[in-house]
Amino acid sequence: AYTTEETEKVEVYRLAEKLGDDIEAAIRQLAERRRNKE
């Protein structure tokens, strides 16, 4: 995944930290949350 949005990067890294530094899992969770908001 790629983003230039600093807020998105911070959000991914913070969530990844909570998930044992699993960036892939963090991206999946955030993507799912955004899909469910629509």
PDB file of N, CA and C in Angstrom:
ATOM      1  N   ALA A   1       0.846  -1.178   0.000  1.00  0.00           N
ATOM      2  CA  ALA A   1       0.000   0.000   0.000  1.00  0.00           C
ATOM      3  C   ALA A   1       0.888   1.237   0.000  1.00  0.00           C
ATOM      4  N   TYR A   2       0.372   2.296  -0.584  1.00  0.00           N
ATOM      5  CA  TYR A   2       1.141   3.527  -0.678  1.00  0.00           C
ATOM      6  C   TYR A   2       0.229   4.713  -0.435  1.00  0.00           C
ATOM      7  N   THR A   3       0.685   5.641   0.369  1.00  0.00           N
ATOM      8  CA  THR A   3      -0.051   6.878   0.586  1.00  0.00           C
ATOM      9  C   THR A   3       0.927   8.008   0.864  1.00  0.00           C
ATOM     10  N   THR A   4       0.564   9.184   0.439  1.00  0.00           N
ATOM     11  CA  THR A   4       1.360  10.365   0.762  1.00  0.00           C
ATOM     12  C   THR A   4       0.706  11.149   1.890  1.00  0.00           C
ATOM     13  N   GLU A   5      -0.473  10.719   2.318  1.00  0.00           N
ATOM     14  CA  GLU A   5      -1.190  11.399   3.395  1.00  0.00           C
ATOM     15  C   GLU A   5      -0.554  11.061   4.741  1.00  0.00           C
ATOM     16  N   GLU A   6       0.019  12.056   5.374  1.00  0.00           N
ATOM     17  CA  GLU A   6       0.706  11.836   6.646  1.00  0.00           C
ATOM     18  C   GLU A   6      -0.247  11.270   7.705  1.00  0.00           C
ATOM     19  N   THR A   7      -1.482  11.767   7.734  1.00  0.00           N
ATOM     20  CA  THR A   7      -2.429  11.282   8.740  1.00  0.00           C
ATOM     21  C   THR A   7      -2.722   9.791   8.559  1.00  0.00           C
ATOM     22  N   GLU A   8      -2.788   9.327   7.307  1.00  0.00           N
ATOM     23  CA  GLU A   8      -3.024   7.913   7.055  1.00  0.00           C
ATOM     24  C   GLU A   8      -1.825   7.083   7.493  1.00  0.00           C
ATOM     25  N   LYS A   9      -0.630   7.579   7.215  1.00  0.00           N
ATOM     26  CA  LYS A   9       0.581   6.850   7.616  1.00  0.00           C
ATOM     27  C   LYS A   9       0.637   6.704   9.135  1.00  0.00           C
ATOM     28  N   VAL A  10       0.368   7.790   9.840  1.00  0.00           N
ATOM     29  CA  VAL A  10       0.404   7.765  11.298  1.00  0.00           C
ATOM     30  C   VAL A  10      -0.628   6.771  11.821  1.00  0.00           C
ATOM     31  N   GLU A  11      -1.818   6.793  11.249  1.00  0.00           N
ATOM     32  CA  GLU A  11      -2.881   5.886  11.666  1.00  0.00           C
ATOM     33  C   GLU A  11      -2.465   4.428  11.464  1.00  0.00           C
ATOM     34  N   VAL A  12      -1.891   4.113  10.323  1.00  0.00           N
ATOM     35  CA  VAL A  12      -1.446   2.746  10.035  1.00  0.00           C
ATOM     36  C   VAL A  12      -0.363   2.321  11.016  1.00  0.00           C
ATOM     37  N   TYR A  13       0.632   3.175  11.226  1.00  0.00           N
ATOM     38  CA  TYR A  13       1.734   2.802  12.113  1.00  0.00           C
ATOM     39  C   TYR A  13       1.282   2.642  13.562  1.00  0.00           C
ATOM     40  N   ARG A  14       0.375   3.487  14.012  1.00  0.00           N
ATOM     41  CA  ARG A  14      -0.133   3.355  15.392  1.00  0.00           C
ATOM     42  C   ARG A  14      -0.898   2.047  15.569  1.00  0.00           C
ATOM     43  N   LEU A  15      -1.747   1.725  14.606  1.00  0.00           N
ATOM     44  CA  LEU A  15      -2.504   0.484  14.697  1.00  0.00           C
ATOM     45  C   LEU A  15      -1.576  -0.719  14.578  1.00  0.00           C
ATOM     46  N   ALA A  16      -0.605  -0.650  13.688  1.00  0.00           N
ATOM     47  CA  ALA A  16       0.355  -1.747  13.520  1.00  0.00           C
ATOM     48  C   ALA A  16       1.096  -2.011  14.830  1.00  0.00           C
ATOM     49  N   GLU A  17       1.440  -0.947  15.519  1.00  0.00           N
ATOM     50  CA  GLU A  17       2.140  -1.102  16.796  1.00  0.00           C
ATOM     51  C   GLU A  17       1.293  -1.909  17.775  1.00  0.00           C
ATOM     52  N   LYS A  18      -0.011  -1.635  17.799  1.00  0.00           N
ATOM     53  CA  LYS A  18      -0.922  -2.367  18.684  1.00  0.00           C
ATOM     54  C   LYS A  18      -1.087  -3.823  18.252  1.00  0.00           C
ATOM     55  N   LEU A  19      -0.841  -4.086  16.979  1.00  0.00           N
ATOM     56  CA  LEU A  19      -1.002  -5.434  16.440  1.00  0.00           C
ATOM     57  C   LEU A  19       0.331  -6.166  16.329  1.00  0.00           C
ATOM     58  N   GLY A  20       1.287  -5.794  17.147  1.00  0.00           N
ATOM     59  CA  GLY A  20       2.583  -6.461  17.137  1.00  0.00           C
ATOM     60  C   GLY A  20       3.418  -6.116  15.916  1.00  0.00           C
ATOM     61  N   ASP A  21       3.328  -4.874  15.470  1.00  0.00           N
ATOM     62  CA  ASP A  21       4.078  -4.363  14.309  1.00  0.00           C
ATOM     63  C   ASP A  21       3.682  -5.027  12.997  1.00  0.00           C
ATOM     64  N   ASP A  22       2.436  -5.472  12.910  1.00  0.00           N
ATOM     65  CA  ASP A  22       1.934  -6.106  11.687  1.00  0.00           C
ATOM     66  C   ASP A  22       1.253  -5.048  10.814  1.00  0.00           C
ATOM     67  N   ILE A  23       2.026  -4.462   9.915  1.00  0.00           N
ATOM     68  CA  ILE A  23       1.508  -3.387   9.066  1.00  0.00           C
ATOM     69  C   ILE A  23       0.419  -3.901   8.130  1.00  0.00           C
ATOM     70  N   GLU A  24       0.607  -5.110   7.616  1.00  0.00           N
ATOM     71  CA  GLU A  24      -0.408  -5.685   6.717  1.00  0.00           C
ATOM     72  C   GLU A  24      -1.757  -5.796   7.412  1.00  0.00           C
ATOM     73  N   ALA A  25      -1.763  -6.298   8.627  1.00  0.00           N
ATOM     74  CA  ALA A  25      -3.005  -6.440   9.384  1.00  0.00           C
ATOM     75  C   ALA A  25      -3.622  -5.068   9.655  1.00  0.00           C
ATOM     76  N   ALA A  26      -2.785  -4.095   9.949  1.00  0.00           N
ATOM     77  CA  ALA A  26      -3.276  -2.743  10.217  1.00  0.00           C
ATOM     78  C   ALA A  26      -3.949  -2.161   8.977  1.00  0.00           C
ATOM     79  N   ILE A  27      -3.341  -2.343   7.822  1.00  0.00           N
ATOM     80  CA  ILE A  27      -3.922  -1.833   6.581  1.00  0.00           C
ATOM     81  C   ILE A  27      -5.257  -2.524   6.298  1.00  0.00           C
ATOM     82  N   ARG A  28      -5.300  -3.840   6.505  1.00  0.00           N
ATOM     83  CA  ARG A  28      -6.559  -4.576   6.282  1.00  0.00           C
ATOM     84  C   ARG A  28      -7.667  -4.051   7.191  1.00  0.00           C
ATOM     85  N   GLN A  29      -7.336  -3.851   8.474  1.00  0.00           N
ATOM     86  CA  GLN A  29      -8.343  -3.358   9.426  1.00  0.00           C
ATOM     87  C   GLN A  29      -8.840  -1.973   9.051  1.00  0.00           C
ATOM     88  N   LEU A  30      -7.927  -1.080   8.717  1.00  0.00           N
ATOM     89  CA  LEU A  30      -8.325   0.281   8.368  1.00  0.00           C
ATOM     90  C   LEU A  30      -9.150   0.299   7.081  1.00  0.00           C
ATOM     91  N   ALA A  31      -8.774  -0.518   6.116  1.00  0.00           N
ATOM     92  CA  ALA A  31      -9.536  -0.591   4.872  1.00  0.00           C
ATOM     93  C   ALA A  31     -10.949  -1.095   5.146  1.00  0.00           C
ATOM     94  N   GLU A  32     -11.062  -2.099   5.987  1.00  0.00           N
ATOM     95  CA  GLU A  32     -12.378  -2.653   6.332  1.00  0.00           C
ATOM     96  C   GLU A  32     -13.232  -1.612   7.045  1.00  0.00           C
ATOM     97  N   ARG A  33     -12.636  -0.872   7.961  1.00  0.00           N
ATOM     98  CA  ARG A  33     -13.378   0.186   8.670  1.00  0.00           C
ATOM     99  C   ARG A  33     -13.920   1.230   7.682  1.00  0.00           C
ATOM    100  N   ARG A  34     -13.089   1.617   6.739  1.00  0.00           N
ATOM    101  CA  ARG A  34     -13.507   2.635   5.760  1.00  0.00           C
ATOM    102  C   ARG A  34     -14.596   2.090   4.847  1.00  0.00           C
ATOM    103  N   ARG A  35     -14.503   0.835   4.466  1.00  0.00           N
ATOM    104  CA  ARG A  35     -15.550   0.232   3.632  1.00  0.00           C
ATOM    105  C   ARG A  35     -16.876   0.209   4.360  1.00  0.00           C
ATOM    106  N   ASN A  36     -16.839  -0.091   5.653  1.00  0.00           N
ATOM    107  CA  ASN A  36     -18.067  -0.193   6.444  1.00  0.00           C
ATOM    108  C   ASN A  36     -18.695   1.160   6.736  1.00  0.00           C
ATOM    109  N   LYS A  37     -17.932   2.242   6.641  1.00  0.00           N
ATOM    110  CA  LYS A  37     -18.460   3.584   6.886  1.00  0.00           C
ATOM    111  C   LYS A  37     -19.352   4.060   5.738  1.00  0.00           C
ATOM    112  N   GLU A  38     -19.120   3.527   4.554  1.00  0.00           N
ATOM    113  CA  GLU A  38     -19.853   4.000   3.367  1.00  0.00           C
ATOM    114  C   GLU A  38     -21.286   3.555   3.361  1.00  0.00           C
TER     115      GLU A  38
END
